[in-house]
Amino acid sequence: EWKNIDFILSYSPLHSALMNASVGSKAHHYVITGMPRNDFFFNRNGRELLNKITGENLEGKKIVFYLPTFRQNVFSNRLEGEPLSEENIFRLHDFSWKIFLDFLERNDIKFFFKPHPAETHLVERFSLPSSIILLTEALLEQANTDLYETLNAADLLITDYSSVYFDFLLLDRPILFIPSDLPLYRKKRGFLLEPYDLWAPGPKVFSFHELQTTILECLEGKDDYRQQRGFIRNTVHSYQDGESSNRVWQFIQTILEKEKEIKQ
């Protein structure tokens, strides 16, 4: 299907190279405009939207988003890392729901869990505690809201290997990584960018105790990765201004004008 595409929107020259490594297109197909969905970071009130969608009172609360990537290959159904389970959504072997829920309540944290679309069908069968706020594609679609409209509500993003952190860099807020199955994931799926530690600009945790401690440190202002985030943000994003939609539309107008000239 990529052979039938004339143009591919891109964040930057680096992003074009990464995309090309994945889909094998042509260099001249990439147009660096920034991504329109990231404009939401600059023009939406994420807290207000989350309040409306979930009915949660977020006033005075710290907001944490957990957005992991998938492990079940959507094409081959092959498992490419440690599976997701109801008892252990972080894939941390010493995890305890009771301790974690007490931790969230004690520290006034609202925790939003958005599973990857490829694993939503698994999570929908889970019996997660009510204080874990589950965001699914269906819930967002019902509210006529895109996930990216809500992301600027987050004081902290937690992920593992999901590329969503590339976009979150535009907010210059802390990112916490849980690469608990790193060796297996690297062997089964691999990374476009290595070394992982360099390209993942945030603390990495491998135990439940580390997770709690690091969440608090991030929310209380400890930030040893701002410079690293800035380097990667400036490498990944040629534009950081919330005007990507305008650039895309201007590009489309240019194409239409050229087509019009040809026909004349």
Protein backbone atom coordinates (compact mmCIF):
# COMPACT_ATOMS: atom_id res chain seq x y z
CA GLU A 1 0.00 0.00 0.00
CA TRP A 2 2.93 2.35 0.59
CA LYS A 3 3.74 2.15 -3.13
CA ASN A 4 0.49 3.99 -3.84
CA ILE A 5 1.26 6.93 -1.54
CA ASP A 6 2.69 10.09 -3.06
CA PHE A 7 3.56 12.01 0.10
CA ILE A 8 4.26 11.13 3.73
CA LEU A 9 4.10 13.75 6.46
CA SER A 10 7.16 13.81 8.68
CA TYR A 11 8.42 15.40 11.88
CA SER A 12 12.02 15.91 10.76
CA PRO A 13 14.84 14.42 8.65
CA LEU A 14 15.46 11.87 11.42
CA HIS A 15 11.79 10.87 11.48
CA SER A 16 11.83 10.50 7.69
CA ALA A 17 14.80 8.13 7.94
CA LEU A 18 13.09 6.09 10.66
CA MET A 19 9.86 5.84 8.69
CA ASN A 20 11.75 4.87 5.58
CA ALA A 21 13.54 2.11 7.49
CA SER A 22 10.09 0.78 8.41
CA VAL A 23 8.09 1.14 5.19
CA GLY A 24 10.73 1.38 2.45
CA SER A 25 9.39 4.37 0.54
CA LYS A 26 11.35 7.03 -1.42
CA ALA A 27 13.20 9.94 0.16
CA HIS A 28 11.37 12.54 -1.96
CA HIS A 29 8.00 11.32 -0.67
CA TYR A 30 8.60 12.80 2.80
CA VAL A 31 7.34 16.28 3.55
CA ILE A 32 8.49 17.85 6.82
CA THR A 33 5.47 19.66 8.26
CA GLY A 34 5.24 18.37 11.80
CA MET A 35 2.26 16.20 12.75
CA PRO A 36 -1.20 17.83 12.89
CA ARG A 37 -2.28 15.78 15.92
CA ASN A 38 0.49 17.42 17.96
CA ASP A 39 -1.19 20.81 17.49
CA PHE A 40 -3.61 19.63 20.18
CA PHE A 41 -0.82 20.07 22.75
CA PHE A 42 -0.98 23.80 22.12
CA ASN A 43 -4.72 24.45 21.79
CA ARG A 44 -6.66 22.06 24.02
CA ASN A 45 -7.46 21.95 27.73
CA GLY A 46 -6.69 18.30 28.48
CA ARG A 47 -7.78 18.44 32.10
CA GLU A 48 -11.16 19.85 31.16
CA LEU A 49 -11.65 17.18 28.52
CA LEU A 50 -10.67 14.34 30.86
CA ASN A 51 -13.09 15.66 33.45
CA LYS A 52 -15.86 15.67 30.87
CA ILE A 53 -15.02 12.22 29.45
CA THR A 54 -14.49 10.36 32.73
CA GLY A 55 -16.47 12.41 35.25
CA GLU A 56 -13.41 12.48 37.51
CA ASN A 57 -12.74 15.52 39.68
CA LEU A 58 -9.16 16.43 38.81
CA GLU A 59 -8.88 19.67 40.75
CA GLY A 60 -5.70 19.70 42.82
CA LYS A 61 -4.73 16.23 41.58
CA LYS A 62 -1.50 15.18 39.93
CA ILE A 63 -2.18 13.39 36.64
CA VAL A 64 -0.14 10.43 35.45
CA PHE A 65 -0.63 8.74 32.06
CA TYR A 66 0.53 5.19 31.41
CA LEU A 67 0.79 4.39 27.69
CA PRO A 68 2.71 1.16 26.99
CA THR A 69 3.22 -0.31 23.55
CA PHE A 70 1.93 -3.75 22.53
CA ARG A 71 3.73 -7.10 22.66
CA GLN A 72 1.43 -9.23 20.50
CA ASN A 73 2.44 -8.79 16.86
CA VAL A 74 -0.70 -7.69 15.02
CA PHE A 75 0.37 -9.41 11.79
CA SER A 76 1.77 -12.74 12.96
CA ASN A 77 0.13 -12.96 16.43
CA ARG A 78 3.62 -13.72 17.75
CA LEU A 79 4.45 -12.60 21.28
CA GLU A 80 7.31 -10.10 21.21
CA GLY A 81 7.94 -9.50 24.91
CA GLU A 82 6.35 -10.24 28.24
CA PRO A 83 2.54 -10.54 27.98
CA LEU A 84 0.17 -8.07 29.61
CA SER A 85 -1.77 -9.40 32.57
CA GLU A 86 -4.54 -8.19 34.86
CA GLU A 87 -2.37 -8.73 37.91
CA ASN A 88 0.64 -6.93 36.50
CA ILE A 89 -0.02 -4.17 33.94
CA PHE A 90 3.53 -2.83 34.44
CA ARG A 91 5.21 -6.20 33.88
CA LEU A 92 7.05 -5.67 37.19
CA HIS A 93 7.27 -8.96 39.05
CA ASP A 94 7.00 -7.46 42.56
CA PHE A 95 3.91 -5.39 41.72
CA SER A 96 1.02 -5.16 44.23
CA TRP A 97 -2.33 -3.59 43.41
CA LYS A 98 -3.12 -2.89 47.07
CA ILE A 99 0.14 -1.04 47.70
CA PHE A 100 -0.13 0.85 44.41
CA LEU A 101 -3.70 2.02 45.04
CA ASP A 102 -2.78 3.18 48.53
CA PHE A 103 0.18 5.01 47.01
CA LEU A 104 -2.03 6.84 44.49
CA GLU A 105 -4.59 7.87 47.10
CA ARG A 106 -1.97 8.99 49.61
CA ASN A 107 -0.29 11.22 47.05
CA ASP A 108 -3.40 12.67 45.34
CA ILE A 109 -2.55 11.06 42.00
CA LYS A 110 -5.08 10.32 39.27
CA PHE A 111 -3.80 7.46 37.15
CA PHE A 112 -4.92 7.08 33.53
CA PHE A 113 -4.15 3.84 31.70
CA LYS A 114 -4.43 3.88 27.90
CA PRO A 115 -3.58 0.45 26.45
CA HIS A 116 -2.27 0.20 22.92
CA PRO A 117 -5.14 -0.38 20.43
CA ALA A 118 -3.65 -3.80 19.64
CA GLU A 119 -4.12 -4.86 23.28
CA THR A 120 -7.39 -3.10 24.10
CA HIS A 121 -9.30 -6.35 23.61
CA LEU A 122 -7.21 -7.93 26.38
CA VAL A 123 -7.60 -5.06 28.83
CA GLU A 124 -11.35 -4.84 28.33
CA ARG A 125 -11.58 -8.32 29.86
CA PHE A 126 -9.57 -7.28 32.92
CA SER A 127 -11.19 -6.40 36.24
CA LEU A 128 -9.08 -3.36 37.02
CA PRO A 129 -9.60 -1.39 40.24
CA SER A 130 -12.08 1.45 39.85
CA SER A 131 -9.49 4.05 40.79
CA ILE A 132 -7.47 3.13 37.68
CA ILE A 133 -9.05 5.26 34.96
CA LEU A 134 -9.10 3.25 31.75
CA LEU A 135 -9.03 5.19 28.50
CA THR A 136 -9.99 3.06 25.50
CA GLU A 137 -10.49 3.83 21.82
CA ALA A 138 -14.24 3.26 22.28
CA LEU A 139 -14.49 5.69 25.20
CA LEU A 140 -12.59 8.41 23.34
CA GLU A 141 -14.58 7.83 20.16
CA GLN A 142 -17.84 8.05 22.08
CA ALA A 143 -16.71 11.43 23.44
CA ASN A 144 -15.60 12.52 19.93
CA THR A 145 -12.14 13.13 21.40
CA ASP A 146 -8.67 12.17 20.25
CA LEU A 147 -6.18 10.88 22.81
CA TYR A 148 -3.81 13.69 21.86
CA GLU A 149 -6.39 16.26 22.93
CA THR A 150 -6.00 15.01 26.50
CA LEU A 151 -2.25 14.40 26.76
CA ASN A 152 -1.32 17.91 27.85
CA ALA A 153 -3.18 17.19 31.10
CA ALA A 154 -0.42 14.80 32.15
CA ASP A 155 2.14 15.92 34.71
CA LEU A 156 4.05 12.71 34.00
CA LEU A 157 4.06 10.18 31.17
CA ILE A 158 4.95 6.56 31.87
CA THR A 159 5.73 4.29 28.95
CA ASP A 160 8.08 1.49 27.93
CA TYR A 161 8.99 1.67 24.26
CA SER A 162 6.02 3.50 22.75
CA SER A 163 6.85 6.29 20.31
CA VAL A 164 4.20 8.45 22.00
CA TYR A 165 7.01 9.85 24.12
CA PHE A 166 8.45 11.48 20.97
CA ASP A 167 5.30 13.62 20.81
CA PHE A 168 5.14 14.20 24.56
CA LEU A 169 8.60 15.79 24.34
CA LEU A 170 6.89 18.89 22.96
CA LEU A 171 5.47 19.53 26.45
CA ASP A 172 8.92 19.32 28.11
CA ARG A 173 7.54 17.34 31.05
CA PRO A 174 9.00 14.28 32.81
CA ILE A 175 8.85 10.87 31.17
CA LEU A 176 9.38 7.66 33.12
CA PHE A 177 10.32 4.41 31.35
CA ILE A 178 9.55 0.84 32.43
CA PRO A 179 11.70 -1.39 30.18
CA SER A 180 11.07 -4.44 32.37
CA ASP A 181 11.37 -6.92 29.49
CA LEU A 182 14.09 -5.03 27.60
CA PRO A 183 16.33 -8.01 26.64
CA LEU A 184 13.40 -10.08 25.36
CA TYR A 185 11.79 -7.14 23.55
CA ARG A 186 15.10 -6.18 21.92
CA LYS A 187 15.62 -9.80 20.77
CA LYS A 188 12.07 -10.34 19.50
CA ARG A 189 11.22 -6.97 17.95
CA GLY A 190 14.29 -4.77 18.16
CA PHE A 191 14.63 -0.99 18.10
CA LEU A 192 14.97 1.54 15.32
CA LEU A 193 17.15 3.63 17.63
CA GLU A 194 19.94 2.38 19.85
CA PRO A 195 21.28 2.64 22.47
CA TYR A 196 17.97 2.60 24.33
CA ASP A 197 19.33 4.57 27.31
CA LEU A 198 20.34 7.46 25.07
CA TRP A 199 17.07 7.69 23.16
CA ALA A 200 14.80 7.18 26.20
CA PRO A 201 15.25 10.52 28.04
CA GLY A 202 14.03 9.69 31.50
CA PRO A 203 14.60 7.46 34.50
CA LYS A 204 14.26 3.70 33.91
CA VAL A 205 12.71 1.54 36.62
CA PHE A 206 12.87 -2.23 36.96
CA SER A 207 11.06 -2.81 40.27
CA PHE A 208 7.80 -1.77 41.86
CA HIS A 209 9.61 0.06 44.66
CA GLU A 210 11.59 2.05 42.08
CA LEU A 211 8.37 2.85 40.25
CA GLN A 212 6.72 4.45 43.29
CA THR A 213 9.84 6.33 44.36
CA THR A 214 10.51 7.66 40.86
CA ILE A 215 6.91 8.74 40.24
CA LEU A 216 7.08 10.88 43.37
CA GLU A 217 10.46 12.33 42.46
CA CYS A 218 9.20 13.30 39.01
CA LEU A 219 6.00 14.87 40.36
CA GLU A 220 7.91 16.75 43.05
CA GLY A 221 10.18 18.41 40.51
CA LYS A 222 13.30 16.25 40.33
CA ASP A 223 14.33 16.38 36.69
CA ASP A 224 17.77 15.13 35.70
CA TYR A 225 16.78 14.55 32.08
CA ARG A 226 15.66 17.96 30.85
CA GLN A 227 18.81 18.51 28.79
CA GLN A 228 18.57 15.03 27.24
CA ARG A 229 14.87 15.58 26.46
CA GLY A 230 15.74 18.88 24.80
CA PHE A 231 18.41 17.27 22.62
CA ILE A 232 16.04 14.53 21.43
CA ARG A 233 13.12 16.95 21.03
CA ASN A 234 15.20 19.22 18.80
CA THR A 235 16.42 16.21 16.81
CA VAL A 236 12.98 14.65 16.35
CA HIS A 237 10.88 17.82 15.86
CA SER A 238 11.87 20.34 13.20
CA TYR A 239 8.77 22.34 14.22
CA GLN A 240 7.61 22.88 17.79
CA ASP A 241 4.95 25.54 17.35
CA GLY A 242 1.47 24.00 17.07
CA GLU A 243 1.15 25.07 13.42
CA SER A 244 1.55 21.70 11.71
CA SER A 245 -2.06 21.62 10.46
CA ASN A 246 -1.52 24.96 8.71
CA ARG A 247 1.68 23.72 7.08
CA VAL A 248 -0.09 20.58 5.85
CA TRP A 249 -2.93 22.60 4.41
CA GLN A 250 -0.50 25.01 2.72
CA PHE A 251 1.24 22.00 1.19
CA ILE A 252 -2.08 20.62 -0.06
CA GLN A 253 -2.91 24.02 -1.59
CA THR A 254 0.45 24.00 -3.38
CA ILE A 255 -0.36 20.59 -4.89
CA LEU A 256 -3.83 21.76 -5.97
CA GLU A 257 -2.42 24.89 -7.59
CA LYS A 258 0.16 22.83 -9.52
CA GLU A 259 -2.58 20.45 -10.71
CA LYS A 260 -4.65 23.43 -11.81
CA GLU A 261 -1.73 24.87 -13.78
CA ILE A 262 -1.15 21.53 -15.51
CA LYS A 263 -4.79 21.26 -16.55
CA GLN A 264 -4.78 24.79 -17.91
